[in-house]
């Protein structure tokens, strides 16, 4: 009866946190504290995965006299290998480890074939010796681990550790499972709430860009580019389009693709912030002229191309040298298309991030945190320069911004064409006026005065006069 009351109280408290729409971190911190009190266990922690497979302990409740704190520590991706992450994701496997008996019990929450929820008992088998050695080095004698999912992805793990052997009842596992399910709700709610200010920010960004592109007396391409780069947290950007000046001079209206294949003089580039520096002997002086872009869009699928690491794209090797003098690592290439016609490219550059997170075993004096870190130095070296993935929200914003730039370019070129036609008509009118004046003058100059024959006869002496 007492256990049932404690279960209901725990879940009621967690539900209350969610209903109050508290910050996610507040909910996580309160949850681990409540759960540790309920289980009467030495440590409960929440471990969140990063996109590269590494992770960080973001919430913890611990008896410091029994186990060391790992709050805030980062762990490399090999700490939890991909095959185990797949099990956590596909079947939502829950695991219990007893170090003294050298047994691990596992119970999948879903059937791997049908995807239906199942309620199997824990099946025990010998645990891997390396895992036993790892837990022993961390001072852990028993553990319980459950996966936390969000948007059908493995978001993190909820783990409980005890410094002494402890049998964990399946009823306790079911309570922890209900807590995990509530955490998934809290994470989804937090993600939804965070989208509200983000959506407002995106709308404000688009509104400002629209003003610069459409609402002023002249199109402010340079200012709109600067605003766009800033909105995406970029370090530089470029807007490449046709150079209408050259098209007006030579009288041949070339498409943007035609301009890319000819002289760079036929292209107009607005630049902001950090820029690629082409070698003197480079085939092209503009990055937009290289075939990587035309090849990527050759089938007419003009989606935003989000490149998180230019040094991981084989086709980008000819352009990599242009960025080596800078810290640019990521590019967002936005094709500017109006009615299926490519009018230009809008590109945004983002620098690599220099981070040195606190990795487990790095500087903690507690010897229980020193194992295993054989690969720590190599891992730390590989994390000095990291890329930041372009998010789905950023790509969606880029798509909308691209539409605004494309329409502005179309209007600009249309206005240029109209001005050209008006200029031609004015020149023709001027030529006609000059020609009329010239003809009139010529006619006047060719006219002779009409002779006065009567006066001439009277004034002339008569032939018959003597």
Protein backbone atom coordinates (compact mmCIF):
# COMPACT_ATOMS: atom_id res chain seq x y z
CA UNK A 1 0.00 0.00 0.00
CA UNK A 2 2.83 2.38 0.96
CA UNK A 3 4.69 1.62 -2.28
CA UNK A 4 1.56 2.29 -4.31
CA UNK A 5 1.13 5.65 -2.58
CA UNK A 6 4.76 6.57 -3.26
CA UNK A 7 4.35 5.65 -6.94
CA UNK A 8 1.27 7.79 -7.35
CA UNK A 9 2.89 10.66 -5.49
CA UNK A 10 5.96 10.50 -7.73
CA UNK A 11 3.97 10.50 -10.95
CA UNK A 12 1.58 13.18 -9.69
CA UNK A 13 4.50 15.45 -8.84
CA UNK A 14 6.13 14.93 -12.23
CA UNK A 15 2.83 15.58 -14.02
CA UNK A 16 2.47 18.79 -12.03
CA UNK A 17 5.89 19.99 -13.19
CA UNK A 18 4.91 19.40 -16.80
CA UNK A 19 1.53 21.09 -16.46
CA UNK A 20 3.19 24.16 -14.96
CA UNK A 21 5.27 24.32 -18.15
CA UNK A 22 8.46 24.71 -16.16
CA UNK A 23 11.82 24.89 -17.90
CA UNK A 24 12.93 21.45 -19.08
CA UNK A 25 16.11 21.61 -16.98
CA UNK A 26 14.02 22.30 -13.87
CA UNK A 27 11.82 19.29 -14.64
CA UNK A 28 14.82 17.02 -15.24
CA UNK A 29 16.59 18.12 -12.06
CA UNK A 30 13.44 17.64 -9.95
CA UNK A 31 12.74 14.27 -11.58
CA UNK A 32 16.10 12.69 -10.75
CA UNK A 33 15.80 13.91 -7.16
CA UNK A 34 12.28 12.51 -6.77
CA UNK A 35 13.22 9.24 -8.43
CA UNK A 36 16.33 8.71 -6.29
CA UNK A 37 14.23 9.27 -3.18
CA UNK A 38 11.62 6.80 -4.43
CA UNK A 39 14.16 4.09 -5.32
CA UNK A 40 16.36 4.82 -2.28
CA UNK A 41 19.38 4.50 -4.53
CA UNK A 42 22.75 6.26 -4.59
CA UNK A 43 22.59 8.03 -7.93
CA UNK A 44 20.09 8.82 -10.68
CA UNK A 45 21.27 10.66 -13.77
CA UNK A 46 19.99 11.73 -17.18
CA UNK A 47 22.39 11.37 -20.06
CA UNK A 48 21.66 13.23 -23.31
CA UNK A 49 23.10 12.19 -26.68
CA UNK A 50 24.75 14.57 -29.13
CA UNK A 51 24.34 14.13 -32.91
CA UNK A 52 27.83 12.56 -33.16
CA UNK A 53 27.03 9.84 -30.62
CA UNK A 54 28.84 11.43 -27.71
CA UNK A 55 26.85 12.61 -24.72
CA UNK A 56 26.68 14.61 -21.53
CA UNK A 57 25.18 14.11 -18.10
CA UNK A 58 22.71 17.02 -17.87
CA UNK A 59 20.85 16.15 -14.66
CA UNK A 60 21.88 14.21 -11.56
CA UNK A 61 20.92 13.43 -8.00
CA UNK A 62 23.69 11.67 -6.07
CA UNK A 63 24.84 10.72 -2.59
CA UNK A 64 28.35 12.18 -2.76
CA UNK A 65 29.51 9.99 0.09
CA UNK A 66 28.64 6.89 -1.89
CA UNK A 67 29.36 7.72 -5.54
CA UNK A 68 31.18 10.53 -7.37
CA UNK A 69 29.23 13.17 -9.24
CA UNK A 70 29.36 13.04 -13.04
CA UNK A 71 27.09 16.04 -13.64
CA UNK A 72 28.21 18.10 -16.65
CA UNK A 73 30.79 15.56 -17.83
CA UNK A 74 31.01 14.59 -21.50
CA UNK A 75 31.54 11.03 -22.72
CA UNK A 76 32.81 9.95 -26.17
CA UNK A 77 30.63 8.03 -28.59
CA UNK A 78 32.39 4.75 -27.92
CA UNK A 79 31.16 4.88 -24.33
CA UNK A 80 27.82 3.55 -25.59
CA UNK A 81 28.53 1.76 -28.92
CA UNK A 82 26.13 2.15 -31.87
CA UNK A 83 24.77 -1.40 -31.57
CA UNK A 84 23.57 -0.66 -28.04
CA UNK A 85 22.07 2.65 -29.12
CA UNK A 86 20.17 0.75 -31.83
CA UNK A 87 18.73 -1.61 -29.23
CA UNK A 88 17.64 1.30 -27.09
CA UNK A 89 15.96 2.90 -30.10
CA UNK A 90 14.35 -0.04 -31.89
CA UNK A 91 13.01 -2.14 -29.03
CA UNK A 92 13.38 0.30 -26.12
CA UNK A 93 15.38 -2.31 -24.23
CA UNK A 94 15.68 -1.83 -20.46
CA UNK A 95 18.73 -3.32 -18.73
CA UNK A 96 19.66 -4.29 -15.16
CA UNK A 97 23.23 -5.17 -14.22
CA UNK A 98 24.34 -6.92 -11.04
CA UNK A 99 28.12 -6.73 -10.76
CA UNK A 100 28.48 -9.34 -8.01
CA UNK A 101 26.48 -12.02 -9.86
CA UNK A 102 27.97 -10.88 -13.20
CA UNK A 103 24.52 -10.94 -14.75
CA UNK A 104 22.66 -8.53 -17.01
CA UNK A 105 18.91 -8.65 -17.40
CA UNK A 106 17.21 -7.15 -20.43
CA UNK A 107 13.57 -6.61 -21.29
CA UNK A 108 12.46 -5.05 -24.59
CA UNK A 109 9.47 -2.75 -24.43
CA UNK A 110 8.49 -3.28 -28.09
CA UNK A 111 8.63 -6.24 -30.44
CA UNK A 112 11.40 -5.70 -33.00
CA UNK A 113 9.33 -7.25 -35.83
CA UNK A 114 5.79 -6.02 -35.22
CA UNK A 115 6.58 -2.84 -33.30
CA UNK A 116 3.85 -3.74 -30.80
CA UNK A 117 4.30 -3.20 -27.07
CA UNK A 118 5.18 -6.34 -25.13
CA UNK A 119 5.64 -7.08 -21.44
CA UNK A 120 8.28 -9.75 -21.21
CA UNK A 121 10.10 -10.62 -18.02
CA UNK A 122 13.78 -9.75 -17.74
CA UNK A 123 15.99 -12.36 -19.33
CA UNK A 124 19.36 -12.70 -17.63
CA UNK A 125 22.68 -13.66 -19.18
CA UNK A 126 26.38 -13.18 -18.35
CA UNK A 127 27.43 -9.56 -18.73
CA UNK A 128 30.43 -8.52 -20.80
CA UNK A 129 33.62 -8.47 -18.64
CA UNK A 130 34.60 -5.03 -19.97
CA UNK A 131 31.29 -3.60 -18.80
CA UNK A 132 31.77 -5.17 -15.38
CA UNK A 133 35.25 -3.74 -15.15
CA UNK A 134 33.97 -0.32 -16.14
CA UNK A 135 31.17 -0.30 -13.53
CA UNK A 136 33.53 -1.57 -10.84
CA UNK A 137 36.01 1.19 -11.62
CA UNK A 138 33.17 3.70 -11.28
CA UNK A 139 32.22 2.26 -7.87
CA UNK A 140 28.92 0.86 -9.15
CA UNK A 141 27.62 -2.54 -8.02
CA UNK A 142 24.17 -2.43 -9.62
CA UNK A 143 22.56 -0.34 -12.34
CA UNK A 144 19.28 0.21 -14.15
CA UNK A 145 19.18 1.95 -17.56
CA UNK A 146 16.13 2.97 -19.64
CA UNK A 147 16.10 4.87 -22.95
CA UNK A 148 14.41 8.25 -23.42
CA UNK A 149 12.98 8.91 -26.89
CA UNK A 150 11.85 12.07 -28.66
CA UNK A 151 10.46 12.28 -32.21
CA UNK A 152 11.27 8.57 -32.72
CA UNK A 153 14.93 9.26 -32.01
CA UNK A 154 17.11 8.22 -29.07
CA UNK A 155 17.26 11.43 -27.03
CA UNK A 156 19.05 10.08 -23.96
CA UNK A 157 19.15 7.59 -21.11
CA UNK A 158 17.89 7.54 -17.57
CA UNK A 159 20.33 5.56 -15.42
CA UNK A 160 20.33 4.67 -11.73
CA UNK A 161 23.43 3.40 -9.91
CA UNK A 162 24.01 1.91 -6.48
CA UNK A 163 27.32 1.37 -4.69
CA UNK A 164 26.15 -1.95 -3.26
CA UNK A 165 24.48 -5.01 -4.78
CA UNK A 166 20.76 -4.32 -5.05
CA UNK A 167 17.97 -6.35 -6.55
CA UNK A 168 15.67 -4.23 -8.67
CA UNK A 169 12.08 -5.42 -8.82
CA UNK A 170 10.21 -5.39 -12.09
CA UNK A 171 7.55 -3.27 -10.42
CA UNK A 172 10.22 -0.64 -9.82
CA UNK A 173 11.24 -0.85 -13.47
CA UNK A 174 7.64 -0.22 -14.52
CA UNK A 175 7.49 2.89 -12.33
CA UNK A 176 10.73 4.19 -13.82
CA UNK A 177 9.30 3.43 -17.27
CA UNK A 178 6.28 5.59 -16.50
CA UNK A 179 8.64 8.37 -15.36
CA UNK A 180 10.57 8.05 -18.63
CA UNK A 181 7.33 8.28 -20.62
CA UNK A 182 6.47 11.48 -18.76
CA UNK A 183 9.94 12.84 -19.50
CA UNK A 184 9.32 12.27 -23.22
CA UNK A 185 6.16 14.36 -22.87
CA UNK A 186 8.13 17.10 -21.08
CA UNK A 187 10.81 17.11 -23.78
CA UNK A 188 8.20 17.35 -26.54
CA UNK A 189 6.45 20.18 -24.69
CA UNK A 190 9.74 22.03 -24.24
CA UNK A 191 10.56 21.67 -27.93
CA UNK A 192 7.11 22.98 -28.86
CA UNK A 193 7.34 25.95 -26.49
CA UNK A 194 10.81 26.83 -27.76
CA UNK A 195 9.44 27.04 -31.28
CA UNK A 196 7.13 29.94 -30.36
CA UNK A 197 9.85 32.57 -29.82
CA UNK A 198 11.88 30.99 -32.60
CA UNK A 199 8.93 31.33 -35.00
CA UNK A 200 8.45 34.95 -33.94
CA UNK A 201 12.14 35.61 -34.50
CA UNK A 202 12.00 34.03 -37.95
CA UNK A 203 8.97 36.10 -38.88
CA UNK A 204 10.73 39.28 -37.75
CA UNK A 205 13.80 38.31 -39.78
CA UNK A 206 11.78 37.68 -42.93
CA UNK A 207 9.84 40.92 -42.43
CA UNK A 208 13.07 42.93 -42.21
CA UNK A 209 14.51 41.23 -45.29
CA UNK A 210 11.27 41.79 -47.22
CA UNK A 211 11.44 45.49 -46.35
CA UNK A 212 14.98 45.74 -47.67
CA UNK A 213 14.12 43.85 -50.84
CA UNK A 214 10.67 45.14 -51.72
CA UNK A 215 9.47 48.09 -49.68
CA UNK A 216 12.14 50.71 -50.32
CA UNK A 217 12.62 52.92 -53.35
CA UNK A 218 15.69 50.91 -54.34
CA UNK A 219 16.43 47.24 -53.75
CA UNK A 220 18.94 46.96 -50.89
CA UNK A 221 20.63 43.68 -51.84
CA UNK A 222 23.74 44.40 -49.77
CA UNK A 223 21.81 45.23 -46.60
CA UNK A 224 19.47 42.27 -47.09
CA UNK A 225 22.48 39.96 -47.44
CA UNK A 226 24.02 41.31 -44.23
CA UNK A 227 20.73 40.84 -42.38
CA UNK A 228 20.43 37.27 -43.66
CA UNK A 229 23.96 36.28 -42.62
CA UNK A 230 23.38 37.73 -39.16
CA UNK A 231 20.06 35.92 -38.78
CA UNK A 232 21.74 32.55 -39.40
CA UNK A 233 24.68 33.26 -37.11
CA UNK A 234 27.00 33.15 -40.09
CA UNK A 235 30.48 34.58 -40.50
CA UNK A 236 30.02 35.56 -44.13
CA UNK A 237 27.81 35.24 -47.17
CA UNK A 238 27.42 35.94 -50.88
CA UNK A 239 24.68 36.83 -53.32
CA UNK A 240 25.54 35.95 -56.92
CA UNK A 241 23.28 36.99 -59.80
CA UNK A 242 23.45 38.19 -63.40
CA UNK A 243 25.28 41.43 -64.07
CA UNK A 244 22.59 43.31 -65.92
CA UNK A 245 25.06 46.05 -66.86
CA UNK A 246 26.93 43.69 -69.16
CA UNK A 247 23.74 42.22 -70.55
CA UNK A 248 22.53 45.70 -71.43
CA UNK A 249 25.82 46.57 -73.10
CA UNK A 250 26.18 43.53 -75.33
CA UNK A 251 22.46 43.37 -76.11
CA UNK A 252 22.28 39.61 -75.51
CA UNK A 253 20.10 38.57 -72.58
CA UNK A 254 22.06 35.65 -71.09
CA UNK A 255 20.55 33.39 -68.43
CA UNK A 256 22.25 33.01 -65.07
CA UNK A 257 23.55 29.58 -66.05
CA UNK A 258 24.96 31.02 -69.28
CA UNK A 259 26.71 33.72 -67.26
CA UNK A 260 28.27 31.08 -64.99
CA UNK A 261 29.88 29.41 -67.99
CA UNK A 262 31.25 32.61 -69.48
CA UNK A 263 33.27 35.45 -68.06
CA UNK A 264 32.89 36.41 -64.42
CA UNK A 265 32.21 39.93 -65.69
CA UNK A 266 28.73 38.73 -66.56
CA UNK A 267 28.04 38.04 -62.86
CA UNK A 268 27.29 40.44 -60.05
CA UNK A 269 28.39 39.41 -56.55
CA UNK A 270 27.42 41.03 -53.27
CA UNK A 271 29.68 39.92 -50.41
CA UNK A 272 29.46 40.26 -46.65
CA UNK A 273 31.86 39.06 -43.95
CA UNK A 274 34.40 36.30 -44.54
CA UNK A 275 34.93 35.29 -48.16
CA UNK A 276 36.73 32.52 -50.07
CA UNK A 277 40.10 33.55 -51.46
CA UNK A 278 40.73 31.98 -54.86
CA UNK A 279 44.32 31.15 -55.85
CA UNK A 280 45.74 33.23 -58.68
CA UNK A 281 45.93 30.19 -60.96
CA UNK A 282 42.41 29.04 -60.20
CA UNK A 283 40.26 28.18 -63.20
CA UNK A 284 37.50 30.51 -61.99
CA UNK A 285 37.65 33.53 -59.75
CA UNK A 286 34.13 33.09 -58.39
CA UNK A 287 33.15 30.07 -56.29
CA UNK A 288 29.69 30.01 -57.89
CA UNK A 289 31.25 29.18 -61.28
CA UNK A 290 32.57 25.80 -60.17
CA UNK A 291 30.66 22.79 -61.42
CA UNK A 292 29.88 21.37 -57.97
CA UNK A 293 26.77 23.54 -57.77
CA UNK A 294 25.58 22.90 -61.32
CA UNK A 295 26.11 19.16 -60.86
CA UNK A 296 24.17 19.17 -57.61
CA UNK A 297 21.21 20.96 -59.20
CA UNK A 298 21.41 19.49 -62.70
CA UNK A 299 18.09 17.67 -62.34
CA UNK A 300 16.25 20.85 -61.42
CA UNK A 301 15.71 19.93 -57.77
CA UNK A 302 16.51 23.33 -56.33
CA UNK A 303 16.41 22.57 -52.60
CA UNK A 304 18.57 24.26 -50.01
CA UNK A 305 21.88 22.42 -49.75
CA UNK A 306 23.04 22.34 -46.13
CA UNK A 307 26.74 21.41 -45.98
CA UNK A 308 27.83 20.91 -42.38
CA UNK A 309 31.51 20.25 -43.20
CA UNK A 310 33.04 21.32 -46.51
CA UNK A 311 36.08 19.14 -45.81
CA UNK A 312 33.93 16.01 -45.83
CA UNK A 313 32.51 16.62 -49.33
CA UNK A 314 34.72 15.00 -51.97
CA UNK A 315 33.33 17.13 -54.80
CA UNK A 316 34.26 20.24 -52.84
CA UNK A 317 38.00 19.54 -53.01
CA UNK A 318 38.62 22.20 -55.69
CA UNK A 319 37.10 24.87 -53.47
CA UNK A 320 38.48 23.76 -50.11
CA UNK A 321 41.74 25.62 -50.72
CA UNK A 322 39.79 28.88 -51.00
CA UNK A 323 38.60 28.51 -47.40
CA UNK A 324 41.76 27.21 -45.70
CA UNK A 325 42.83 30.70 -44.63
CA UNK A 326 39.59 31.10 -42.67
CA UNK A 327 37.68 29.07 -40.10
CA UNK A 328 34.68 28.62 -42.41
CA UNK A 329 33.51 25.04 -42.11
CA UNK A 330 29.84 25.00 -43.10
CA UNK A 331 27.91 26.40 -46.06
CA UNK A 332 24.21 26.87 -46.63
CA UNK A 333 23.68 27.12 -50.40
CA UNK A 334 20.31 28.58 -51.35
CA UNK A 335 19.38 28.46 -55.05
CA UNK A 336 17.25 31.45 -56.03
CA UNK A 337 14.51 30.20 -58.31
CA UNK A 338 11.55 32.02 -59.82
CA UNK A 339 9.11 30.01 -61.92
CA UNK A 340 11.59 27.15 -62.35
CA UNK A 341 14.28 29.52 -63.61
CA UNK A 342 17.53 29.78 -61.65
CA UNK A 343 18.28 33.46 -61.04
CA UNK A 344 21.22 33.22 -58.66
CA UNK A 345 22.83 31.71 -55.57
CA UNK A 346 22.65 32.91 -51.99
CA UNK A 347 25.30 31.32 -49.78
CA UNK A 348 25.88 31.60 -46.03
CA UNK A 349 29.15 30.61 -44.34
CA UNK A 350 29.52 29.48 -40.74
CA UNK A 351 32.77 29.02 -38.82
CA UNK A 352 33.83 25.90 -37.00
CA UNK A 353 33.23 25.91 -33.25
CA UNK A 354 36.18 25.73 -30.92
CA UNK A 355 35.01 23.85 -27.87
CA UNK A 356 36.91 21.99 -25.17
CA UNK A 357 34.25 20.25 -23.09
CA UNK A 358 35.05 18.70 -19.73
CA UNK A 359 35.44 15.03 -20.55
CA UNK A 360 35.03 12.30 -17.97
CA UNK A 361 38.39 11.41 -16.45
CA UNK A 362 40.10 14.60 -17.58
CA UNK A 363 40.87 16.38 -14.33
CA UNK A 364 38.76 14.92 -11.54
CA UNK A 365 40.79 13.73 -8.58
CA UNK A 366 38.39 10.87 -7.88
CA UNK A 367 40.14 7.73 -9.18
CA UNK A 368 36.79 6.12 -9.89
CA UNK A 369 36.44 8.50 -12.88
CA UNK A 370 39.78 7.69 -14.49
CA UNK A 371 38.72 4.51 -16.26
CA UNK A 372 38.45 3.88 -19.15
CA UNK A 373 40.06 6.78 -21.01
CA UNK A 374 42.67 5.14 -23.23
CA UNK A 375 41.27 6.93 -26.26
CA UNK A 376 40.69 10.21 -24.43
CA UNK A 377 43.59 12.17 -25.96
CA UNK A 378 42.70 11.16 -29.51
CA UNK A 379 39.05 11.97 -28.89
CA UNK A 380 39.88 15.36 -27.39
CA UNK A 381 42.08 16.17 -30.39
CA UNK A 382 39.26 15.36 -32.78
CA UNK A 383 36.84 17.63 -30.96
CA UNK A 384 38.91 20.82 -31.03
CA UNK A 385 37.27 22.02 -34.24
CA UNK A 386 33.63 21.01 -34.48
CA UNK A 387 30.90 21.83 -36.94
CA UNK A 388 27.39 22.85 -36.02
CA UNK A 389 24.69 21.10 -37.99
CA UNK A 390 22.18 23.22 -39.89
CA UNK A 391 18.84 22.64 -38.18
CA UNK A 392 15.53 21.87 -39.85
CA UNK A 393 14.24 25.27 -38.73
CA UNK A 394 17.22 27.02 -40.33
CA UNK A 395 16.71 25.18 -43.60
CA UNK A 396 13.01 26.09 -43.60
CA UNK A 397 13.90 29.73 -42.94
CA UNK A 398 16.50 29.63 -45.72
CA UNK A 399 13.88 28.32 -48.13
CA UNK A 400 11.54 31.22 -47.35
CA UNK A 401 14.36 33.79 -47.50
CA UNK A 402 15.44 32.35 -50.86
CA UNK A 403 11.94 32.91 -52.26
CA UNK A 404 12.09 36.57 -51.23
CA UNK A 405 15.50 37.10 -52.82
CA UNK A 406 14.42 35.31 -56.02
CA UNK A 407 11.32 37.47 -56.38
CA UNK A 408 13.34 40.62 -55.70
CA UNK A 409 15.89 39.65 -58.37
CA UNK A 410 13.10 38.92 -60.83
CA UNK A 411 11.53 42.33 -60.17
CA UNK A 412 14.92 44.02 -60.38
CA UNK A 413 15.75 42.41 -63.73
CA UNK A 414 12.26 43.18 -65.03
CA UNK A 415 12.66 46.82 -64.05
CA UNK A 416 16.07 46.89 -65.68
CA UNK A 417 14.55 45.48 -68.85
CA UNK A 418 11.72 48.04 -68.79
CA UNK A 419 14.20 50.86 -68.24
CA UNK A 420 16.25 49.52 -71.11
CA UNK A 421 13.22 49.50 -73.40
CA UNK A 422 12.25 53.00 -72.31
CA UNK A 423 15.82 54.12 -72.92
CA UNK A 424 15.74 52.56 -76.38
CA UNK A 425 12.46 54.31 -77.18
CA UNK A 426 13.85 57.60 -75.97
CA UNK A 427 16.95 57.16 -78.08
CA UNK A 428 14.82 56.28 -81.11
CA UNK A 429 12.66 59.34 -80.49
CA UNK A 430 15.74 61.52 -80.14
CA UNK A 431 17.20 60.07 -83.34
CA UNK A 432 13.93 60.70 -85.14
CA UNK A 433 13.84 64.30 -83.94
CA UNK A 434 17.43 64.84 -85.05
CA UNK A 435 16.67 63.28 -88.43
CA UNK A 436 13.58 65.47 -88.89
CA UNK A 437 15.55 68.59 -88.06
CA UNK A 438 18.31 67.54 -90.42
CA UNK A 439 15.93 66.83 -93.29
CA UNK A 440 14.13 70.11 -92.71
CA UNK A 441 17.40 71.97 -92.71
CA UNK A 442 18.54 70.22 -95.88
CA UNK A 443 15.31 71.06 -97.61
CA UNK A 444 15.60 74.67 -96.64
CA UNK A 445 19.18 74.88 -97.80
CA UNK A 446 18.28 73.42 -101.22
CA UNK A 447 15.50 75.95 -101.95
CA UNK A 448 16.34 78.88 -104.47
CA UNK A 449 14.57 82.28 -104.45
CA UNK A 450 11.79 82.60 -107.14
CA UNK A 451 12.73 85.11 -109.92
CA UNK A 452 10.47 88.26 -110.42
CA UNK A 453 10.00 88.08 -114.22
CA UNK A 454 7.79 91.23 -114.53
CA UNK A 455 10.31 93.46 -112.82
CA UNK A 456 13.08 91.90 -114.78
CA UNK A 457 11.43 92.68 -118.12
CA UNK A 458 10.66 96.26 -117.15
CA UNK A 459 14.09 96.94 -115.84
CA UNK A 460 15.93 95.32 -118.69
CA UNK A 461 16.60 97.46 -121.80
CA UNK A 462 14.43 96.55 -124.77
CA UNK A 463 16.08 94.83 -127.60
CA UNK A 464 14.08 96.95 -129.96
CA UNK A 465 15.13 100.25 -128.51
CA UNK A 466 17.44 102.20 -130.55
